[in-house]
Amino acid sequence: MEPTLSQEDQEARQHALIAYILMLLGLFTGLLWLAGGIWAIIKQPAASQTQFADHYQNLVRTFVIAIVLSILGGILTVVLIGWPILFGVFIWAAFKLVKGLVRLSSNQAYYA
């Protein structure tokens, strides 16, 4: 039997779920990626003392690294090396987000 979550934990879990879903959909649309990343950044301080705080760390870190590498990959598509970089970023981000979503749905910390 799972322990019940506090109100703060429930809210942090719900907001992390929204961010994960937006970012996963954003892998295909781009605009939702930005919405999910910004959502996670805005909600991160409120979740800092909950059991789901590390999910926000994962979301924000994945968001920032993927944006930087995507810009680099986009620039390097001119010399063709950018395409494998963009593909790698897509796979890496999808893995991180799916792993987080699975762990969140089980009420587990991301890095536990």
N, C-alpha and C. Protein backbone atom coordinates (compact mmCIF):
# COMPACT_ATOMS: atom_id res chain seq x y z
N MET A 1 0.83 -1.18 0.00
CA MET A 1 0.00 0.00 0.00
C MET A 1 0.88 1.25 0.00
N GLU A 2 0.58 2.17 -0.91
CA GLU A 2 1.39 3.37 -1.03
C GLU A 2 1.00 4.39 0.04
N PRO A 3 1.99 5.09 0.60
CA PRO A 3 1.65 6.15 1.56
C PRO A 3 0.97 7.30 0.83
N THR A 4 0.11 7.99 1.54
CA THR A 4 -0.57 9.13 0.94
C THR A 4 0.39 10.30 0.83
N LEU A 5 0.19 11.09 -0.20
CA LEU A 5 1.06 12.24 -0.45
C LEU A 5 0.49 13.47 0.22
N SER A 6 1.38 14.33 0.68
CA SER A 6 0.94 15.61 1.24
C SER A 6 0.39 16.47 0.11
N GLN A 7 -0.29 17.53 0.47
CA GLN A 7 -0.84 18.46 -0.53
C GLN A 7 0.27 19.04 -1.41
N GLU A 8 1.41 19.39 -0.80
CA GLU A 8 2.53 19.94 -1.57
C GLU A 8 3.09 18.90 -2.54
N ASP A 9 3.21 17.66 -2.08
CA ASP A 9 3.70 16.59 -2.95
C ASP A 9 2.73 16.33 -4.10
N GLN A 10 1.44 16.35 -3.81
CA GLN A 10 0.45 16.12 -4.87
C GLN A 10 0.52 17.22 -5.94
N GLU A 11 0.66 18.45 -5.48
CA GLU A 11 0.76 19.56 -6.44
C GLU A 11 2.05 19.48 -7.24
N ALA A 12 3.15 19.17 -6.59
CA ALA A 12 4.43 19.04 -7.29
C ALA A 12 4.37 17.91 -8.30
N ARG A 13 3.75 16.81 -7.93
CA ARG A 13 3.62 15.66 -8.85
C ARG A 13 2.77 16.05 -10.05
N GLN A 14 1.66 16.74 -9.81
CA GLN A 14 0.77 17.14 -10.89
C GLN A 14 1.46 18.10 -11.86
N HIS A 15 2.19 19.07 -11.33
CA HIS A 15 2.88 20.03 -12.19
C HIS A 15 4.03 19.36 -12.96
N ALA A 16 4.71 18.43 -12.34
CA ALA A 16 5.77 17.69 -13.04
C ALA A 16 5.16 16.85 -14.17
N LEU A 17 4.01 16.24 -13.90
CA LEU A 17 3.32 15.45 -14.93
C LEU A 17 2.96 16.32 -16.13
N ILE A 18 2.46 17.51 -15.86
CA ILE A 18 2.13 18.45 -16.95
C ILE A 18 3.38 18.78 -17.75
N ALA A 19 4.48 19.08 -17.06
CA ALA A 19 5.72 19.43 -17.75
C ALA A 19 6.24 18.26 -18.59
N TYR A 20 6.21 17.04 -18.03
CA TYR A 20 6.66 15.88 -18.80
C TYR A 20 5.83 15.68 -20.06
N ILE A 21 4.52 15.79 -19.93
CA ILE A 21 3.65 15.59 -21.09
C ILE A 21 3.88 16.67 -22.14
N LEU A 22 3.96 17.92 -21.70
CA LEU A 22 4.20 19.00 -22.66
C LEU A 22 5.54 18.82 -23.38
N MET A 23 6.57 18.44 -22.63
CA MET A 23 7.88 18.29 -23.25
C MET A 23 7.93 17.08 -24.18
N LEU A 24 7.26 16.00 -23.81
CA LEU A 24 7.22 14.85 -24.72
C LEU A 24 6.49 15.19 -26.01
N LEU A 25 5.36 15.86 -25.90
CA LEU A 25 4.66 16.30 -27.11
C LEU A 25 5.50 17.33 -27.87
N GLY A 26 6.26 18.11 -27.14
CA GLY A 26 7.11 19.13 -27.74
C GLY A 26 8.26 18.57 -28.55
N LEU A 27 8.60 17.31 -28.33
CA LEU A 27 9.62 16.69 -29.16
C LEU A 27 9.19 16.68 -30.63
N PHE A 28 7.88 16.73 -30.86
CA PHE A 28 7.35 16.69 -32.21
C PHE A 28 6.84 18.05 -32.70
N THR A 29 6.56 18.97 -31.76
CA THR A 29 6.00 20.25 -32.17
C THR A 29 6.92 21.43 -31.91
N GLY A 30 7.82 21.33 -30.94
CA GLY A 30 8.73 22.42 -30.63
C GLY A 30 8.13 23.44 -29.67
N LEU A 31 6.97 23.97 -30.00
CA LEU A 31 6.35 24.99 -29.16
C LEU A 31 5.97 24.43 -27.79
N LEU A 32 5.45 23.22 -27.76
CA LEU A 32 5.09 22.60 -26.48
C LEU A 32 6.33 22.27 -25.66
N TRP A 33 7.46 22.04 -26.33
CA TRP A 33 8.73 21.82 -25.63
C TRP A 33 9.07 23.06 -24.79
N LEU A 34 8.96 24.22 -25.42
CA LEU A 34 9.22 25.48 -24.71
C LEU A 34 8.22 25.67 -23.56
N ALA A 35 6.95 25.38 -23.81
CA ALA A 35 5.94 25.53 -22.77
C ALA A 35 6.22 24.62 -21.59
N GLY A 36 6.59 23.36 -21.86
CA GLY A 36 6.89 22.42 -20.79
C GLY A 36 8.13 22.80 -20.01
N GLY A 37 9.16 23.24 -20.70
CA GLY A 37 10.39 23.65 -20.04
C GLY A 37 10.19 24.88 -19.17
N ILE A 38 9.46 25.85 -19.69
CA ILE A 38 9.18 27.06 -18.92
C ILE A 38 8.29 26.73 -17.73
N TRP A 39 7.31 25.86 -17.94
CA TRP A 39 6.43 25.42 -16.85
C TRP A 39 7.27 24.81 -15.72
N ALA A 40 8.22 23.94 -16.07
CA ALA A 40 9.06 23.30 -15.06
C ALA A 40 9.93 24.33 -14.32
N ILE A 41 10.47 25.27 -15.06
CA ILE A 41 11.30 26.31 -14.44
C ILE A 41 10.48 27.15 -13.46
N ILE A 42 9.27 27.51 -13.85
CA ILE A 42 8.42 28.34 -12.99
C ILE A 42 7.98 27.57 -11.75
N LYS A 43 7.65 26.30 -11.89
CA LYS A 43 7.13 25.51 -10.78
C LYS A 43 8.22 24.90 -9.90
N GLN A 44 9.46 24.93 -10.33
CA GLN A 44 10.55 24.30 -9.58
C GLN A 44 10.71 24.84 -8.16
N PRO A 45 10.69 26.15 -7.92
CA PRO A 45 10.86 26.62 -6.54
C PRO A 45 9.79 26.11 -5.57
N ALA A 46 8.56 26.01 -6.02
CA ALA A 46 7.48 25.54 -5.15
C ALA A 46 7.64 24.07 -4.80
N ALA A 47 8.35 23.32 -5.63
CA ALA A 47 8.51 21.88 -5.42
C ALA A 47 9.83 21.53 -4.74
N SER A 48 10.59 22.53 -4.34
CA SER A 48 11.95 22.27 -3.84
C SER A 48 11.99 21.45 -2.56
N GLN A 49 10.94 21.48 -1.75
CA GLN A 49 10.92 20.73 -0.50
C GLN A 49 10.05 19.48 -0.57
N THR A 50 9.73 19.02 -1.78
CA THR A 50 8.89 17.84 -1.93
C THR A 50 9.73 16.65 -2.37
N GLN A 51 9.12 15.48 -2.35
CA GLN A 51 9.84 14.28 -2.78
C GLN A 51 10.04 14.24 -4.30
N PHE A 52 9.41 15.16 -5.01
CA PHE A 52 9.52 15.19 -6.47
C PHE A 52 10.45 16.30 -6.97
N ALA A 53 11.21 16.91 -6.09
CA ALA A 53 12.09 18.01 -6.47
C ALA A 53 13.09 17.60 -7.54
N ASP A 54 13.60 16.37 -7.45
CA ASP A 54 14.60 15.96 -8.44
C ASP A 54 14.00 15.76 -9.83
N HIS A 55 12.69 15.58 -9.93
CA HIS A 55 12.06 15.52 -11.25
C HIS A 55 12.17 16.88 -11.94
N TYR A 56 12.02 17.94 -11.17
CA TYR A 56 12.16 19.28 -11.73
C TYR A 56 13.60 19.54 -12.16
N GLN A 57 14.54 19.04 -11.38
CA GLN A 57 15.95 19.15 -11.77
C GLN A 57 16.18 18.44 -13.10
N ASN A 58 15.61 17.26 -13.25
CA ASN A 58 15.72 16.52 -14.51
C ASN A 58 15.06 17.28 -15.65
N LEU A 59 13.86 17.79 -15.42
CA LEU A 59 13.14 18.51 -16.47
C LEU A 59 13.91 19.74 -16.94
N VAL A 60 14.36 20.55 -16.00
CA VAL A 60 15.06 21.79 -16.35
C VAL A 60 16.39 21.48 -17.02
N ARG A 61 17.13 20.53 -16.48
CA ARG A 61 18.42 20.16 -17.06
C ARG A 61 18.24 19.61 -18.48
N THR A 62 17.27 18.74 -18.67
CA THR A 62 17.00 18.20 -20.00
C THR A 62 16.60 19.31 -20.96
N PHE A 63 15.76 20.20 -20.50
CA PHE A 63 15.31 21.33 -21.32
C PHE A 63 16.48 22.19 -21.79
N VAL A 64 17.31 22.61 -20.86
CA VAL A 64 18.42 23.52 -21.19
C VAL A 64 19.45 22.83 -22.08
N ILE A 65 19.86 21.63 -21.72
CA ILE A 65 20.88 20.92 -22.52
C ILE A 65 20.35 20.65 -23.92
N ALA A 66 19.10 20.23 -24.04
CA ALA A 66 18.54 19.95 -25.36
C ALA A 66 18.44 21.20 -26.21
N ILE A 67 18.08 22.32 -25.61
CA ILE A 67 18.01 23.58 -26.37
C ILE A 67 19.39 23.95 -26.90
N VAL A 68 20.40 23.91 -26.04
CA VAL A 68 21.75 24.27 -26.45
C VAL A 68 22.27 23.34 -27.55
N LEU A 69 22.10 22.04 -27.34
CA LEU A 69 22.59 21.08 -28.34
C LEU A 69 21.79 21.15 -29.63
N SER A 70 20.52 21.47 -29.55
CA SER A 70 19.71 21.61 -30.77
C SER A 70 20.14 22.83 -31.58
N ILE A 71 20.44 23.91 -30.89
CA ILE A 71 20.95 25.10 -31.60
C ILE A 71 22.28 24.77 -32.28
N LEU A 72 23.17 24.12 -31.54
CA LEU A 72 24.45 23.70 -32.12
C LEU A 72 24.24 22.76 -33.30
N GLY A 73 23.38 21.77 -33.12
CA GLY A 73 23.09 20.83 -34.21
C GLY A 73 22.47 21.51 -35.40
N GLY A 74 21.57 22.46 -35.14
CA GLY A 74 20.96 23.21 -36.24
C GLY A 74 21.98 23.99 -37.05
N ILE A 75 22.92 24.60 -36.35
CA ILE A 75 23.97 25.35 -37.04
C ILE A 75 24.86 24.40 -37.84
N LEU A 76 25.16 23.26 -37.26
CA LEU A 76 26.07 22.31 -37.91
C LEU A 76 25.42 21.46 -39.01
N THR A 77 24.12 21.63 -39.23
CA THR A 77 23.50 20.88 -40.34
C THR A 77 24.07 21.33 -41.68
N VAL A 78 24.63 22.52 -41.70
CA VAL A 78 25.26 23.03 -42.92
C VAL A 78 26.39 22.09 -43.36
N VAL A 79 27.11 21.54 -42.41
CA VAL A 79 28.21 20.63 -42.74
C VAL A 79 27.84 19.17 -42.46
N LEU A 80 26.56 18.91 -42.36
CA LEU A 80 25.96 17.58 -42.23
C LEU A 80 26.16 16.89 -40.88
N ILE A 81 27.09 17.30 -40.06
CA ILE A 81 27.29 16.66 -38.76
C ILE A 81 26.15 17.01 -37.80
N GLY A 82 25.42 18.06 -38.12
CA GLY A 82 24.32 18.49 -37.26
C GLY A 82 23.17 17.50 -37.21
N TRP A 83 22.92 16.78 -38.30
CA TRP A 83 21.81 15.82 -38.31
C TRP A 83 21.98 14.71 -37.29
N PRO A 84 23.15 14.08 -37.19
CA PRO A 84 23.31 13.07 -36.13
C PRO A 84 23.21 13.68 -34.72
N ILE A 85 23.67 14.91 -34.57
CA ILE A 85 23.57 15.58 -33.27
C ILE A 85 22.10 15.78 -32.91
N LEU A 86 21.31 16.28 -33.87
CA LEU A 86 19.89 16.49 -33.61
C LEU A 86 19.17 15.18 -33.31
N PHE A 87 19.51 14.13 -34.03
CA PHE A 87 18.91 12.82 -33.78
C PHE A 87 19.28 12.31 -32.39
N GLY A 88 20.55 12.48 -32.02
CA GLY A 88 21.01 12.05 -30.70
C GLY A 88 20.32 12.82 -29.58
N VAL A 89 20.13 14.12 -29.77
CA VAL A 89 19.44 14.94 -28.77
C VAL A 89 18.00 14.46 -28.63
N PHE A 90 17.35 14.16 -29.73
CA PHE A 90 15.97 13.68 -29.71
C PHE A 90 15.86 12.38 -28.91
N ILE A 91 16.72 11.43 -29.20
CA ILE A 91 16.69 10.14 -28.50
C ILE A 91 17.01 10.31 -27.02
N TRP A 92 18.05 11.08 -26.71
CA TRP A 92 18.45 11.31 -25.33
C TRP A 92 17.33 11.97 -24.53
N ALA A 93 16.73 13.03 -25.10
CA ALA A 93 15.66 13.74 -24.40
C ALA A 93 14.43 12.85 -24.22
N ALA A 94 14.09 12.09 -25.25
CA ALA A 94 12.94 11.18 -25.14
C ALA A 94 13.18 10.16 -24.02
N PHE A 95 14.39 9.61 -23.94
CA PHE A 95 14.71 8.65 -22.90
C PHE A 95 14.57 9.28 -21.51
N LYS A 96 15.16 10.46 -21.33
CA LYS A 96 15.11 11.13 -20.03
C LYS A 96 13.67 11.44 -19.61
N LEU A 97 12.86 11.87 -20.55
CA LEU A 97 11.48 12.24 -20.24
C LEU A 97 10.61 11.02 -19.96
N VAL A 98 10.77 9.97 -20.74
CA VAL A 98 9.99 8.75 -20.51
C VAL A 98 10.39 8.12 -19.18
N LYS A 99 11.68 8.07 -18.91
CA LYS A 99 12.14 7.52 -17.62
C LYS A 99 11.55 8.33 -16.47
N GLY A 100 11.56 9.64 -16.57
CA GLY A 100 10.99 10.48 -15.53
C GLY A 100 9.50 10.27 -15.37
N LEU A 101 8.81 10.15 -16.48
CA LEU A 101 7.36 9.94 -16.43
C LEU A 101 7.01 8.61 -15.78
N VAL A 102 7.78 7.57 -16.09
CA VAL A 102 7.55 6.27 -15.49
C VAL A 102 7.80 6.32 -13.99
N ARG A 103 8.89 6.94 -13.59
CA ARG A 103 9.21 7.02 -12.16
C ARG A 103 8.20 7.91 -11.43
N LEU A 104 7.77 8.99 -12.06
CA LEU A 104 6.77 9.86 -11.46
C LEU A 104 5.45 9.12 -11.26
N SER A 105 5.06 8.33 -12.25
CA SER A 105 3.79 7.61 -12.13
C SER A 105 3.82 6.57 -11.01
N SER A 106 5.02 6.17 -10.59
CA SER A 106 5.17 5.25 -9.47
C SER A 106 5.48 5.98 -8.16
N ASN A 107 5.37 7.31 -8.18
CA ASN A 107 5.68 8.15 -7.01
C ASN A 107 7.11 7.94 -6.51
N GLN A 108 8.03 7.75 -7.43
CA GLN A 108 9.44 7.58 -7.09
C GLN A 108 10.21 8.82 -7.49
N ALA A 109 11.31 9.05 -6.77
CA ALA A 109 12.21 10.13 -7.14
C ALA A 109 12.91 9.77 -8.45
N TYR A 110 13.32 10.78 -9.21
CA TYR A 110 13.97 10.51 -10.49
C TYR A 110 15.32 9.84 -10.29
N TYR A 111 16.13 10.34 -9.37
CA TYR A 111 17.49 9.86 -9.22
C TYR A 111 17.64 8.77 -8.16
N ALA A 112 16.56 8.26 -7.61
CA ALA A 112 16.65 7.24 -6.55
C ALA A 112 17.00 5.88 -7.11
